[in-house]
């Protein structure tokens, strides 16, 4: 019953997917249906909605936010645009180390005096 539980989150995503489908936002509905199935893989309602959305000849996601896996993508003459974008924009350089490698000297210590009880 916790709002932070996986099934509760899955039900929320399922409702969002149903609302998006009713509004005609197919891609958004598919994304929310995928999230609902990820959070609760046993939810038959979410699985049915995802399958219904995938039957409309739309590319179904294999992982949230990832393009569909195509095993022959690298064997073709023309690469997919999303793959070219990944190749053209290399990942950012790792951030510089912001902590000293030498632990240094311990700081000053101060004894804490317990206050007297009120009488």
PDB file of N, CA and C in Angstrom:
ATOM      1  N   UNK A   1       0.805  -1.203   0.000  1.00  0.00           N
ATOM      2  CA  UNK A   1       0.000   0.000   0.000  1.00  0.00           C
ATOM      3  C   UNK A   1       0.850   1.270   0.000  1.00  0.00           C
ATOM      4  N   UNK A   2       2.129   1.132   0.155  1.00  0.00           N
ATOM      5  CA  UNK A   2       3.000   2.289   0.184  1.00  0.00           C
ATOM      6  C   UNK A   2       3.036   2.956  -1.184  1.00  0.00           C
ATOM      7  N   UNK A   3       2.998   4.297  -1.232  1.00  0.00           N
ATOM      8  CA  UNK A   3       3.079   4.967  -2.526  1.00  0.00           C
ATOM      9  C   UNK A   3       4.447   4.813  -3.180  1.00  0.00           C
ATOM     10  N   UNK A   4       5.410   4.310  -2.420  1.00  0.00           N
ATOM     11  CA  UNK A   4       6.745   4.105  -2.962  1.00  0.00           C
ATOM     12  C   UNK A   4       6.966   2.667  -3.410  1.00  0.00           C
ATOM     13  N   UNK A   5       5.978   1.802  -3.218  1.00  0.00           N
ATOM     14  CA  UNK A   5       6.105   0.410  -3.611  1.00  0.00           C
ATOM     15  C   UNK A   5       6.131   0.258  -5.120  1.00  0.00           C
ATOM     16  N   UNK A   6       6.760  -0.813  -5.585  1.00  0.00           N
ATOM     17  CA  UNK A   6       6.904  -1.035  -7.026  1.00  0.00           C
ATOM     18  C   UNK A   6       5.558  -1.177  -7.719  1.00  0.00           C
ATOM     19  N   UNK A   7       4.652  -1.893  -7.109  1.00  0.00           N
ATOM     20  CA  UNK A   7       3.352  -2.093  -7.752  1.00  0.00           C
ATOM     21  C   UNK A   7       2.546  -0.807  -7.801  1.00  0.00           C
ATOM     22  N   UNK A   8       2.678   0.012  -6.770  1.00  0.00           N
ATOM     23  CA  UNK A   8       1.987   1.300  -6.767  1.00  0.00           C
ATOM     24  C   UNK A   8       2.528   2.195  -7.873  1.00  0.00           C
ATOM     25  N   UNK A   9       3.833   2.212  -8.041  1.00  0.00           N
ATOM     26  CA  UNK A   9       4.445   3.002  -9.114  1.00  0.00           C
ATOM     27  C   UNK A   9       4.013   2.450 -10.475  1.00  0.00           C
ATOM     28  N   UNK A  10       3.945   1.128 -10.589  1.00  0.00           N
ATOM     29  CA  UNK A  10       3.526   0.510 -11.849  1.00  0.00           C
ATOM     30  C   UNK A  10       2.081   0.882 -12.179  1.00  0.00           C
ATOM     31  N   UNK A  11       1.200   0.880 -11.177  1.00  0.00           N
ATOM     32  CA  UNK A  11      -0.195   1.262 -11.421  1.00  0.00           C
ATOM     33  C   UNK A  11      -0.293   2.719 -11.866  1.00  0.00           C
ATOM     34  N   UNK A  12       0.539   3.578 -11.270  1.00  0.00           N
ATOM     35  CA  UNK A  12       0.538   4.987 -11.656  1.00  0.00           C
ATOM     36  C   UNK A  12       0.974   5.131 -13.121  1.00  0.00           C
ATOM     37  N   UNK A  13       2.037   4.419 -13.515  1.00  0.00           N
ATOM     38  CA  UNK A  13       2.487   4.477 -14.914  1.00  0.00           C
ATOM     39  C   UNK A  13       1.433   3.885 -15.859  1.00  0.00           C
ATOM     40  N   UNK A  14       0.732   2.856 -15.412  1.00  0.00           N
ATOM     41  CA  UNK A  14      -0.319   2.275 -16.242  1.00  0.00           C
ATOM     42  C   UNK A  14      -1.436   3.285 -16.474  1.00  0.00           C
ATOM     43  N   UNK A  15      -1.836   4.000 -15.415  1.00  0.00           N
ATOM     44  CA  UNK A  15      -2.869   5.034 -15.579  1.00  0.00           C
ATOM     45  C   UNK A  15      -2.383   6.138 -16.519  1.00  0.00           C
ATOM     46  N   UNK A  16      -1.130   6.509 -16.391  1.00  0.00           N
ATOM     47  CA  UNK A  16      -0.580   7.539 -17.270  1.00  0.00           C
ATOM     48  C   UNK A  16      -0.557   7.048 -18.718  1.00  0.00           C
ATOM     49  N   UNK A  17      -0.241   5.773 -18.930  1.00  0.00           N
ATOM     50  CA  UNK A  17      -0.234   5.205 -20.284  1.00  0.00           C
ATOM     51  C   UNK A  17      -1.639   5.188 -20.863  1.00  0.00           C
ATOM     52  N   UNK A  18      -2.620   4.832 -20.055  1.00  0.00           N
ATOM     53  CA  UNK A  18      -3.997   4.802 -20.537  1.00  0.00           C
ATOM     54  C   UNK A  18      -4.484   6.203 -20.894  1.00  0.00           C
ATOM     55  N   UNK A  19      -4.108   7.191 -20.069  1.00  0.00           N
ATOM     56  CA  UNK A  19      -4.504   8.572 -20.366  1.00  0.00           C
ATOM     57  C   UNK A  19      -3.820   9.070 -21.637  1.00  0.00           C
ATOM     58  N   UNK A  20      -2.556   8.725 -21.822  1.00  0.00           N
ATOM     59  CA  UNK A  20      -1.837   9.144 -23.025  1.00  0.00           C
ATOM     60  C   UNK A  20      -2.418   8.474 -24.272  1.00  0.00           C
ATOM     61  N   UNK A  21      -2.814   7.221 -24.135  1.00  0.00           N
ATOM     62  CA  UNK A  21      -3.422   6.520 -25.272  1.00  0.00           C
ATOM     63  C   UNK A  21      -4.754   7.170 -25.632  1.00  0.00           C
ATOM     64  N   UNK A  22      -5.533   7.540 -24.616  1.00  0.00           N
ATOM     65  CA  UNK A  22      -6.817   8.185 -24.877  1.00  0.00           C
ATOM     66  C   UNK A  22      -6.630   9.559 -25.527  1.00  0.00           C
ATOM     67  N   UNK A  23      -5.510  10.220 -25.217  1.00  0.00           N
ATOM     68  CA  UNK A  23      -5.226  11.530 -25.804  1.00  0.00           C
ATOM     69  C   UNK A  23      -4.578  11.414 -27.183  1.00  0.00           C
ATOM     70  N   UNK A  24      -4.297  10.196 -27.638  1.00  0.00           N
ATOM     71  CA  UNK A  24      -3.709   9.989 -28.950  1.00  0.00           C
ATOM     72  C   UNK A  24      -2.197  10.144 -28.984  1.00  0.00           C
ATOM     73  N   UNK A  25      -1.558  10.136 -27.847  1.00  0.00           N
ATOM     74  CA  UNK A  25      -0.098  10.246 -27.773  1.00  0.00           C
ATOM     75  C   UNK A  25       0.492   8.841 -27.696  1.00  0.00           C
ATOM     76  N   UNK A  26       0.683   8.231 -28.857  1.00  0.00           N
ATOM     77  CA  UNK A  26       1.070   6.829 -28.929  1.00  0.00           C
ATOM     78  C   UNK A  26       2.457   6.576 -28.326  1.00  0.00           C
ATOM     79  N   UNK A  27       3.422   7.383 -28.678  1.00  0.00           N
ATOM     80  CA  UNK A  27       4.782   7.183 -28.173  1.00  0.00           C
ATOM     81  C   UNK A  27       4.865   7.324 -26.663  1.00  0.00           C
ATOM     82  N   UNK A  28       4.172   8.313 -26.148  1.00  0.00           N
ATOM     83  CA  UNK A  28       4.166   8.538 -24.693  1.00  0.00           C
ATOM     84  C   UNK A  28       3.473   7.371 -23.973  1.00  0.00           C
ATOM     85  N   UNK A  29       2.374   6.911 -24.542  1.00  0.00           N
ATOM     86  CA  UNK A  29       1.652   5.788 -23.943  1.00  0.00           C
ATOM     87  C   UNK A  29       2.519   4.536 -23.930  1.00  0.00           C
ATOM     88  N   UNK A  30       3.247   4.318 -25.005  1.00  0.00           N
ATOM     89  CA  UNK A  30       4.117   3.144 -25.081  1.00  0.00           C
ATOM     90  C   UNK A  30       5.227   3.227 -24.042  1.00  0.00           C
ATOM     91  N   UNK A  31       5.797   4.414 -23.879  1.00  0.00           N
ATOM     92  CA  UNK A  31       6.870   4.582 -22.891  1.00  0.00           C
ATOM     93  C   UNK A  31       6.353   4.316 -21.479  1.00  0.00           C
ATOM     94  N   UNK A  32       5.176   4.845 -21.145  1.00  0.00           N
ATOM     95  CA  UNK A  32       4.620   4.621 -19.811  1.00  0.00           C
ATOM     96  C   UNK A  32       4.220   3.157 -19.608  1.00  0.00           C
ATOM     97  N   UNK A  33       3.731   2.507 -20.663  1.00  0.00           N
ATOM     98  CA  UNK A  33       3.384   1.087 -20.554  1.00  0.00           C
ATOM     99  C   UNK A  33       4.637   0.255 -20.304  1.00  0.00           C
ATOM    100  N   UNK A  34       5.738   0.603 -20.980  1.00  0.00           N
ATOM    101  CA  UNK A  34       7.007  -0.100 -20.749  1.00  0.00           C
ATOM    102  C   UNK A  34       7.458   0.074 -19.303  1.00  0.00           C
ATOM    103  N   UNK A  35       7.340   1.278 -18.781  1.00  0.00           N
ATOM    104  CA  UNK A  35       7.733   1.524 -17.391  1.00  0.00           C
ATOM    105  C   UNK A  35       6.843   0.742 -16.424  1.00  0.00           C
ATOM    106  N   UNK A  36       5.566   0.669 -16.724  1.00  0.00           N
ATOM    107  CA  UNK A  36       4.651  -0.083 -15.862  1.00  0.00           C
ATOM    108  C   UNK A  36       5.043  -1.560 -15.823  1.00  0.00           C
ATOM    109  N   UNK A  37       5.413  -2.115 -16.974  1.00  0.00           N
ATOM    110  CA  UNK A  37       5.819  -3.523 -17.021  1.00  0.00           C
ATOM    111  C   UNK A  37       7.155  -3.719 -16.313  1.00  0.00           C
ATOM    112  N   UNK A  38       8.047  -2.744 -16.426  1.00  0.00           N
ATOM    113  CA  UNK A  38       9.338  -2.877 -15.740  1.00  0.00           C
ATOM    114  C   UNK A  38       9.169  -2.888 -14.230  1.00  0.00           C
ATOM    115  N   UNK A  39       8.276  -2.043 -13.715  1.00  0.00           N
ATOM    116  CA  UNK A  39       8.092  -1.991 -12.270  1.00  0.00           C
ATOM    117  C   UNK A  39       7.274  -3.170 -11.743  1.00  0.00           C
ATOM    118  N   UNK A  40       6.352  -3.689 -12.553  1.00  0.00           N
ATOM    119  CA  UNK A  40       5.558  -4.845 -12.130  1.00  0.00           C
ATOM    120  C   UNK A  40       5.407  -5.792 -13.318  1.00  0.00           C
ATOM    121  N   UNK A  41       6.377  -6.706 -13.497  1.00  0.00           N
ATOM    122  CA  UNK A  41       6.331  -7.602 -14.654  1.00  0.00           C
ATOM    123  C   UNK A  41       5.162  -8.584 -14.622  1.00  0.00           C
ATOM    124  N   UNK A  42       4.459  -8.708 -13.508  1.00  0.00           N
ATOM    125  CA  UNK A  42       3.342  -9.644 -13.408  1.00  0.00           C
ATOM    126  C   UNK A  42       1.999  -8.981 -13.685  1.00  0.00           C
ATOM    127  N   UNK A  43       1.989  -7.693 -13.979  1.00  0.00           N
ATOM    128  CA  UNK A  43       0.744  -6.977 -14.237  1.00  0.00           C
ATOM    129  C   UNK A  43       0.244  -7.315 -15.641  1.00  0.00           C
ATOM    130  N   UNK A  44      -0.793  -8.123 -15.694  1.00  0.00           N
ATOM    131  CA  UNK A  44      -1.336  -8.540 -16.997  1.00  0.00           C
ATOM    132  C   UNK A  44      -1.941  -7.369 -17.747  1.00  0.00           C
ATOM    133  N   UNK A  45      -2.532  -6.437 -17.019  1.00  0.00           N
ATOM    134  CA  UNK A  45      -3.147  -5.278 -17.667  1.00  0.00           C
ATOM    135  C   UNK A  45      -2.085  -4.417 -18.369  1.00  0.00           C
ATOM    136  N   UNK A  46      -0.956  -4.223 -17.704  1.00  0.00           N
ATOM    137  CA  UNK A  46       0.127  -3.430 -18.305  1.00  0.00           C
ATOM    138  C   UNK A  46       0.731  -4.165 -19.499  1.00  0.00           C
ATOM    139  N   UNK A  47       0.885  -5.469 -19.396  1.00  0.00           N
ATOM    140  CA  UNK A  47       1.438  -6.257 -20.498  1.00  0.00           C
ATOM    141  C   UNK A  47       0.499  -6.222 -21.696  1.00  0.00           C
ATOM    142  N   UNK A  48      -0.801  -6.346 -21.430  1.00  0.00           N
ATOM    143  CA  UNK A  48      -1.775  -6.300 -22.528  1.00  0.00           C
ATOM    144  C   UNK A  48      -1.772  -4.936 -23.216  1.00  0.00           C
ATOM    145  N   UNK A  49      -1.688  -3.866 -22.428  1.00  0.00           N
ATOM    146  CA  UNK A  49      -1.666  -2.534 -23.020  1.00  0.00           C
ATOM    147  C   UNK A  49      -0.406  -2.341 -23.863  1.00  0.00           C
ATOM    148  N   UNK A  50       0.733  -2.795 -23.340  1.00  0.00           N
ATOM    149  CA  UNK A  50       1.981  -2.675 -24.103  1.00  0.00           C
ATOM    150  C   UNK A  50       1.887  -3.461 -25.411  1.00  0.00           C
ATOM    151  N   UNK A  51       1.360  -4.674 -25.358  1.00  0.00           N
ATOM    152  CA  UNK A  51       1.219  -5.480 -26.575  1.00  0.00           C
ATOM    153  C   UNK A  51       0.258  -4.834 -27.563  1.00  0.00           C
ATOM    154  N   UNK A  52      -0.816  -4.249 -27.050  1.00  0.00           N
ATOM    155  CA  UNK A  52      -1.774  -3.569 -27.917  1.00  0.00           C
ATOM    156  C   UNK A  52      -1.117  -2.373 -28.602  1.00  0.00           C
ATOM    157  N   UNK A  53      -0.305  -1.639 -27.868  1.00  0.00           N
ATOM    158  CA  UNK A  53       0.376  -0.480 -28.456  1.00  0.00           C
ATOM    159  C   UNK A  53       1.437  -0.912 -29.470  1.00  0.00           C
ATOM    160  N   UNK A  54       2.079  -2.052 -29.221  1.00  0.00           N
ATOM    161  CA  UNK A  54       3.121  -2.534 -30.138  1.00  0.00           C
ATOM    162  C   UNK A  54       2.541  -3.109 -31.427  1.00  0.00           C
ATOM    163  N   UNK A  55       1.288  -3.489 -31.430  1.00  0.00           N
ATOM    164  CA  UNK A  55       0.678  -4.068 -32.620  1.00  0.00           C
ATOM    165  C   UNK A  55       0.370  -3.022 -33.677  1.00  0.00           C
ATOM    166  N   UNK A  56       0.489  -1.756 -33.337  1.00  0.00           N
ATOM    167  CA  UNK A  56       0.171  -0.694 -34.289  1.00  0.00           C
ATOM    168  C   UNK A  56       1.343  -0.367 -35.196  1.00  0.00           C
ATOM    169  N   UNK A  57       2.240  -1.332 -35.419  1.00  0.00           N
ATOM    170  CA  UNK A  57       3.414  -1.172 -36.278  1.00  0.00           C
ATOM    171  C   UNK A  57       4.333  -0.051 -35.816  1.00  0.00           C
ATOM    172  N   UNK A  58       4.318   0.260 -34.549  1.00  0.00           N
ATOM    173  CA  UNK A  58       5.231   1.269 -34.010  1.00  0.00           C
ATOM    174  C   UNK A  58       6.448   0.549 -33.452  1.00  0.00           C
ATOM    175  N   UNK A  59       7.611   1.177 -33.506  1.00  0.00           N
ATOM    176  CA  UNK A  59       8.793   0.529 -32.930  1.00  0.00           C
ATOM    177  C   UNK A  59       8.651   0.434 -31.422  1.00  0.00           C
ATOM    178  N   UNK A  60       8.674  -0.772 -30.918  1.00  0.00           N
ATOM    179  CA  UNK A  60       8.550  -0.981 -29.480  1.00  0.00           C
ATOM    180  C   UNK A  60       9.922  -0.906 -28.840  1.00  0.00           C
ATOM    181  N   UNK A  61       9.962  -0.344 -27.671  1.00  0.00           N
ATOM    182  CA  UNK A  61      11.223  -0.190 -26.967  1.00  0.00           C
ATOM    183  C   UNK A  61      11.615  -1.496 -26.296  1.00  0.00           C
ATOM    184  N   UNK A  62      12.886  -1.832 -26.357  1.00  0.00           N
ATOM    185  CA  UNK A  62      13.371  -3.010 -25.649  1.00  0.00           C
ATOM    186  C   UNK A  62      13.820  -2.636 -24.257  1.00  0.00           C
ATOM    187  N   UNK A  63      14.292  -1.438 -24.085  1.00  0.00           N
ATOM    188  CA  UNK A  63      14.641  -0.890 -22.781  1.00  0.00           C
ATOM    189  C   UNK A  63      14.180   0.551 -22.797  1.00  0.00           C
ATOM    190  N   UNK A  64      13.846   1.079 -21.668  1.00  0.00           N
ATOM    191  CA  UNK A  64      13.289   2.416 -21.610  1.00  0.00           C
ATOM    192  C   UNK A  64      14.282   3.418 -22.187  1.00  0.00           C
ATOM    193  N   UNK A  65      13.844   4.160 -23.174  1.00  0.00           N
ATOM    194  CA  UNK A  65      14.673   5.195 -23.757  1.00  0.00           C
ATOM    195  C   UNK A  65      15.672   4.713 -24.792  1.00  0.00           C
ATOM    196  N   UNK A  66      15.718   3.429 -25.081  1.00  0.00           N
ATOM    197  CA  UNK A  66      16.680   2.898 -26.042  1.00  0.00           C
ATOM    198  C   UNK A  66      15.965   2.564 -27.343  1.00  0.00           C
ATOM    199  N   UNK A  67      16.620   2.765 -28.487  1.00  0.00           N
ATOM    200  CA  UNK A  67      16.013   2.376 -29.751  1.00  0.00           C
ATOM    201  C   UNK A  67      15.934   0.854 -29.860  1.00  0.00           C
ATOM    202  N   UNK A  68      15.057   0.341 -30.683  1.00  0.00           N
ATOM    203  CA  UNK A  68      14.942  -1.108 -30.810  1.00  0.00           C
ATOM    204  C   UNK A  68      16.249  -1.726 -31.294  1.00  0.00           C
ATOM    205  N   UNK A  69      16.542  -2.883 -30.765  1.00  0.00           N
ATOM    206  CA  UNK A  69      17.783  -3.565 -31.139  1.00  0.00           C
ATOM    207  C   UNK A  69      17.615  -4.173 -32.527  1.00  0.00           C
ATOM    208  N   UNK A  70      18.558  -3.921 -33.382  1.00  0.00           N
ATOM    209  CA  UNK A  70      18.561  -4.468 -34.723  1.00  0.00           C
ATOM    210  C   UNK A  70      19.916  -5.149 -34.921  1.00  0.00           C
ATOM    211  N   UNK A  71      19.958  -6.477 -34.965  1.00  0.00           N
ATOM    212  CA  UNK A  71      21.249  -7.144 -35.032  1.00  0.00           C
ATOM    213  C   UNK A  71      22.031  -6.830 -36.304  1.00  0.00           C
ATOM    214  N   UNK A  72      21.351  -6.413 -37.374  1.00  0.00           N
ATOM    215  CA  UNK A  72      22.055  -6.155 -38.626  1.00  0.00           C
ATOM    216  C   UNK A  72      22.402  -4.676 -38.801  1.00  0.00           C
ATOM    217  N   UNK A  73      22.258  -3.868 -37.765  1.00  0.00           N
ATOM    218  CA  UNK A  73      22.489  -2.431 -37.894  1.00  0.00           C
ATOM    219  C   UNK A  73      23.902  -2.132 -38.359  1.00  0.00           C
ATOM    220  N   UNK A  74      24.887  -2.819 -37.811  1.00  0.00           N
ATOM    221  CA  UNK A  74      26.266  -2.535 -38.158  1.00  0.00           C
ATOM    222  C   UNK A  74      26.697  -3.202 -39.460  1.00  0.00           C
ATOM    223  N   UNK A  75      25.896  -4.142 -39.984  1.00  0.00           N
ATOM    224  CA  UNK A  75      26.250  -4.833 -41.208  1.00  0.00           C
ATOM    225  C   UNK A  75      25.706  -4.139 -42.455  1.00  0.00           C
ATOM    226  N   UNK A  76      24.879  -3.138 -42.282  1.00  0.00           N
ATOM    227  CA  UNK A  76      24.269  -2.463 -43.423  1.00  0.00           C
ATOM    228  C   UNK A  76      25.210  -1.398 -43.978  1.00  0.00           C
ATOM    229  N   UNK A  77      24.880  -0.910 -45.177  1.00  0.00           N
ATOM    230  CA  UNK A  77      25.668   0.143 -45.805  1.00  0.00           C
ATOM    231  C   UNK A  77      25.467   1.482 -45.107  1.00  0.00           C
ATOM    232  N   UNK A  78      24.262   1.729 -44.640  1.00  0.00           N
ATOM    233  CA  UNK A  78      23.934   2.997 -43.983  1.00  0.00           C
ATOM    234  C   UNK A  78      23.625   2.721 -42.519  1.00  0.00           C
ATOM    235  N   UNK A  79      24.268   3.470 -41.645  1.00  0.00           N
ATOM    236  CA  UNK A  79      24.036   3.296 -40.212  1.00  0.00           C
ATOM    237  C   UNK A  79      22.820   4.096 -39.778  1.00  0.00           C
ATOM    238  N   UNK A  80      22.208   3.638 -38.717  1.00  0.00           N
ATOM    239  CA  UNK A  80      21.046   4.339 -38.174  1.00  0.00           C
ATOM    240  C   UNK A  80      21.467   5.714 -37.652  1.00  0.00           C
ATOM    241  N   UNK A  81      20.595   6.718 -37.756  1.00  0.00           N
ATOM    242  CA  UNK A  81      20.963   8.069 -37.326  1.00  0.00           C
ATOM    243  C   UNK A  81      21.328   8.148 -35.844  1.00  0.00           C
ATOM    244  N   UNK A  82      20.636   7.392 -34.992  1.00  0.00           N
ATOM    245  CA  UNK A  82      20.945   7.465 -33.557  1.00  0.00           C
ATOM    246  C   UNK A  82      22.340   6.922 -33.283  1.00  0.00           C
ATOM    247  N   UNK A  83      22.794   5.954 -34.095  1.00  0.00           N
ATOM    248  CA  UNK A  83      24.133   5.407 -33.907  1.00  0.00           C
ATOM    249  C   UNK A  83      25.186   6.406 -34.369  1.00  0.00           C
ATOM    250  N   UNK A  84      24.906   7.103 -35.460  1.00  0.00           N
ATOM    251  CA  UNK A  84      25.834   8.131 -35.930  1.00  0.00           C
ATOM    252  C   UNK A  84      25.951   9.274 -34.927  1.00  0.00           C
ATOM    253  N   UNK A  85      24.830   9.650 -34.312  1.00  0.00           N
ATOM    254  CA  UNK A  85      24.879  10.702 -33.297  1.00  0.00           C
ATOM    255  C   UNK A  85      25.771  10.293 -32.132  1.00  0.00           C
ATOM    256  N   UNK A  86      25.673   9.038 -31.733  1.00  0.00           N
ATOM    257  CA  UNK A  86      26.514   8.559 -30.629  1.00  0.00           C
ATOM    258  C   UNK A  86      27.987   8.568 -31.011  1.00  0.00           C
ATOM    259  N   UNK A  87      28.281   8.285 -32.274  1.00  0.00           N
ATOM    260  CA  UNK A  87      29.674   8.265 -32.713  1.00  0.00           C
ATOM    261  C   UNK A  87      30.241   9.674 -32.878  1.00  0.00           C
ATOM    262  N   UNK A  88      29.406  10.627 -33.320  1.00  0.00           N
ATOM    263  CA  UNK A  88      29.874  11.985 -33.544  1.00  0.00           C
ATOM    264  C   UNK A  88      30.090  12.756 -32.248  1.00  0.00           C
ATOM    265  N   UNK A  89      29.331  12.417 -31.231  1.00  0.00           N
ATOM    266  CA  UNK A  89      29.432  13.133 -29.960  1.00  0.00           C
ATOM    267  C   UNK A  89      30.019  12.192 -28.912  1.00  0.00           C
ATOM    268  N   UNK A  90      31.333  12.203 -28.765  1.00  0.00           N
ATOM    269  CA  UNK A  90      31.934  11.296 -27.783  1.00  0.00           C
ATOM    270  C   UNK A  90      31.522  11.701 -26.367  1.00  0.00           C
ATOM    271  N   UNK A  91      31.605  10.782 -25.438  1.00  0.00           N
ATOM    272  CA  UNK A  91      31.229  11.118 -24.065  1.00  0.00           C
ATOM    273  C   UNK A  91      32.166  12.184 -23.504  1.00  0.00           C
ATOM    274  N   UNK A  92      31.626  12.930 -22.575  1.00  0.00           N
ATOM    275  CA  UNK A  92      32.417  13.980 -21.948  1.00  0.00           C
ATOM    276  C   UNK A  92      33.585  13.371 -21.175  1.00  0.00           C
ATOM    277  N   UNK A  93      34.637  14.160 -21.050  1.00  0.00           N
ATOM    278  CA  UNK A  93      35.794  13.682 -20.296  1.00  0.00           C
ATOM    279  C   UNK A  93      35.398  13.501 -18.839  1.00  0.00           C
ATOM    280  N   UNK A  94      36.011  12.532 -18.181  1.00  0.00           N
ATOM    281  CA  UNK A  94      35.675  12.344 -16.768  1.00  0.00           C
ATOM    282  C   UNK A  94      36.087  13.578 -15.968  1.00  0.00           C
ATOM    283  N   UNK A  95      35.318  13.922 -14.945  1.00  0.00           N
ATOM    284  CA  UNK A  95      35.651  15.112 -14.167  1.00  0.00           C
ATOM    285  C   UNK A  95      36.987  14.942 -13.445  1.00  0.00           C
ATOM    286  N   UNK A  96      37.635  16.063 -13.234  1.00  0.00           N
ATOM    287  CA  UNK A  96      38.915  16.031 -12.532  1.00  0.00           C
ATOM    288  C   UNK A  96      38.686  15.560 -11.094  1.00  0.00           C
ATOM    289  N   UNK A  97      39.666  14.908 -10.557  1.00  0.00           N
ATOM    290  CA  UNK A  97      39.566  14.413  -9.188  1.00  0.00           C
ATOM    291  C   UNK A  97      39.480  15.612  -8.258  1.00  0.00           C
ATOM    292  N   UNK A  98      38.449  15.639  -7.422  1.00  0.00           N
ATOM    293  CA  UNK A  98      38.245  16.781  -6.557  1.00  0.00           C
ATOM    294  C   UNK A  98      38.588  16.489  -5.099  1.00  0.00           C
ATOM    295  N   UNK A  99      39.128  15.354  -4.833  1.00  0.00           N
ATOM    296  CA  UNK A  99      39.511  15.045  -3.460  1.00  0.00           C
ATOM    297  C   UNK A  99      41.010  14.759  -3.442  1.00  0.00           C
ATOM    298  N   UNK A 100      41.670  15.103  -2.367  1.00  0.00           N
ATOM    299  CA  UNK A 100      43.119  14.852  -2.318  1.00  0.00           C
ATOM    300  C   UNK A 100      43.398  13.367  -2.158  1.00  0.00           C
ATOM    301  N   UNK A 101      44.470  12.935  -2.784  1.00  0.00           N
ATOM    302  CA  UNK A 101      44.859  11.543  -2.650  1.00  0.00           C
ATOM    303  C   UNK A 101      45.513  11.303  -1.300  1.00  0.00           C
ATOM    304  N   UNK A 102      46.107  12.351  -0.710  1.00  0.00           N
ATOM    305  CA  UNK A 102      46.735  12.247   0.595  1.00  0.00           C
ATOM    306  C   UNK A 102      45.674  12.552   1.650  1.00  0.00           C
ATOM    307  N   UNK A 103      45.458  11.659   2.621  1.00  0.00           N
ATOM    308  CA  UNK A 103      44.404  11.914   3.609  1.00  0.00           C
ATOM    309  C   UNK A 103      44.717  13.096   4.513  1.00  0.00           C
ATOM    310  N   UNK A 104      45.962  13.524   4.598  1.00  0.00           N
ATOM    311  CA  UNK A 104      46.300  14.689   5.413  1.00  0.00           C
ATOM    312  C   UNK A 104      46.378  14.369   6.888  1.00  0.00           C
ATOM    313  N   UNK A 105      46.389  15.412   7.688  1.00  0.00           N
ATOM    314  CA  UNK A 105      46.473  15.280   9.142  1.00  0.00           C
ATOM    315  C   UNK A 105      45.072  15.383   9.728  1.00  0.00           C
ATOM    316  N   UNK A 106      44.829  14.673  10.823  1.00  0.00           N
ATOM    317  CA  UNK A 106      43.515  14.788  11.452  1.00  0.00           C
ATOM    318  C   UNK A 106      43.312  16.186  12.017  1.00  0.00           C
ATOM    319  N   UNK A 107      42.095  16.642  12.027  1.00  0.00           N
ATOM    320  CA  UNK A 107      41.770  17.967  12.546  1.00  0.00           C
ATOM    321  C   UNK A 107      41.824  17.997  14.065  1.00  0.00           C
ATOM    322  N   UNK A 108      41.635  19.180  14.629  1.00  0.00           N
ATOM    323  CA  UNK A 108      41.684  19.297  16.086  1.00  0.00           C
ATOM    324  C   UNK A 108      40.499  18.581  16.726  1.00  0.00           C
ATOM    325  N   UNK A 109      40.723  18.071  17.910  1.00  0.00           N
ATOM    326  CA  UNK A 109      39.674  17.384  18.648  1.00  0.00           C
ATOM    327  C   UNK A 109      39.236  18.258  19.803  1.00  0.00           C
ATOM    328  N   UNK A 110      37.959  18.229  20.091  1.00  0.00           N
ATOM    329  CA  UNK A 110      37.426  19.038  21.180  1.00  0.00           C
ATOM    330  C   UNK A 110      36.492  18.158  21.994  1.00  0.00           C
ATOM    331  N   UNK A 111      36.690  18.148  23.296  1.00  0.00           N
ATOM    332  CA  UNK A 111      35.825  17.369  24.175  1.00  0.00           C
ATOM    333  C   UNK A 111      34.508  18.109  24.372  1.00  0.00           C
ATOM    334  N   UNK A 112      33.436  17.362  24.319  1.00  0.00           N
ATOM    335  CA  UNK A 112      32.111  17.941  24.516  1.00  0.00           C
ATOM    336  C   UNK A 112      31.747  17.762  25.984  1.00  0.00           C
ATOM    337  N   UNK A 113      31.424  18.865  26.633  1.00  0.00           N
ATOM    338  CA  UNK A 113      31.065  18.833  28.048  1.00  0.00           C
ATOM    339  C   UNK A 113      29.554  18.731  28.142  1.00  0.00           C
ATOM    340  N   UNK A 114      29.095  17.752  28.900  1.00  0.00           N
ATOM    341  CA  UNK A 114      27.666  17.567  29.073  1.00  0.00           C
ATOM    342  C   UNK A 114      27.142  18.651  30.019  1.00  0.00           C
ATOM    343  N   UNK A 115      26.035  19.308  29.681  1.00  0.00           N
ATOM    344  CA  UNK A 115      25.492  20.355  30.554  1.00  0.00           C
ATOM    345  C   UNK A 115      24.905  19.750  31.834  1.00  0.00           C
ATOM    346  N   UNK A 116      24.899  20.569  32.864  1.00  0.00           N
ATOM    347  CA  UNK A 116      24.300  20.121  34.129  1.00  0.00           C
ATOM    348  C   UNK A 116      22.797  20.007  33.956  1.00  0.00           C
ATOM    349  N   UNK A 117      22.235  19.106  34.676  1.00  0.00           N
ATOM    350  CA  UNK A 117      20.770  18.982  34.634  1.00  0.00           C
ATOM    351  C   UNK A 117      20.135  20.135  35.387  1.00  0.00           C
ATOM    352  N   UNK A 118      19.002  20.527  34.891  1.00  0.00           N
ATOM    353  CA  UNK A 118      18.281  21.588  35.601  1.00  0.00           C
ATOM    354  C   UNK A 118      17.721  21.025  36.892  1.00  0.00           C
ATOM    355  N   UNK A 119      17.878  21.766  37.955  1.00  0.00           N
ATOM    356  CA  UNK A 119      17.398  21.296  39.270  1.00  0.00           C
ATOM    357  C   UNK A 119      16.085  21.899  39.639  1.00  0.00           C
TER     358      UNK A 119
END
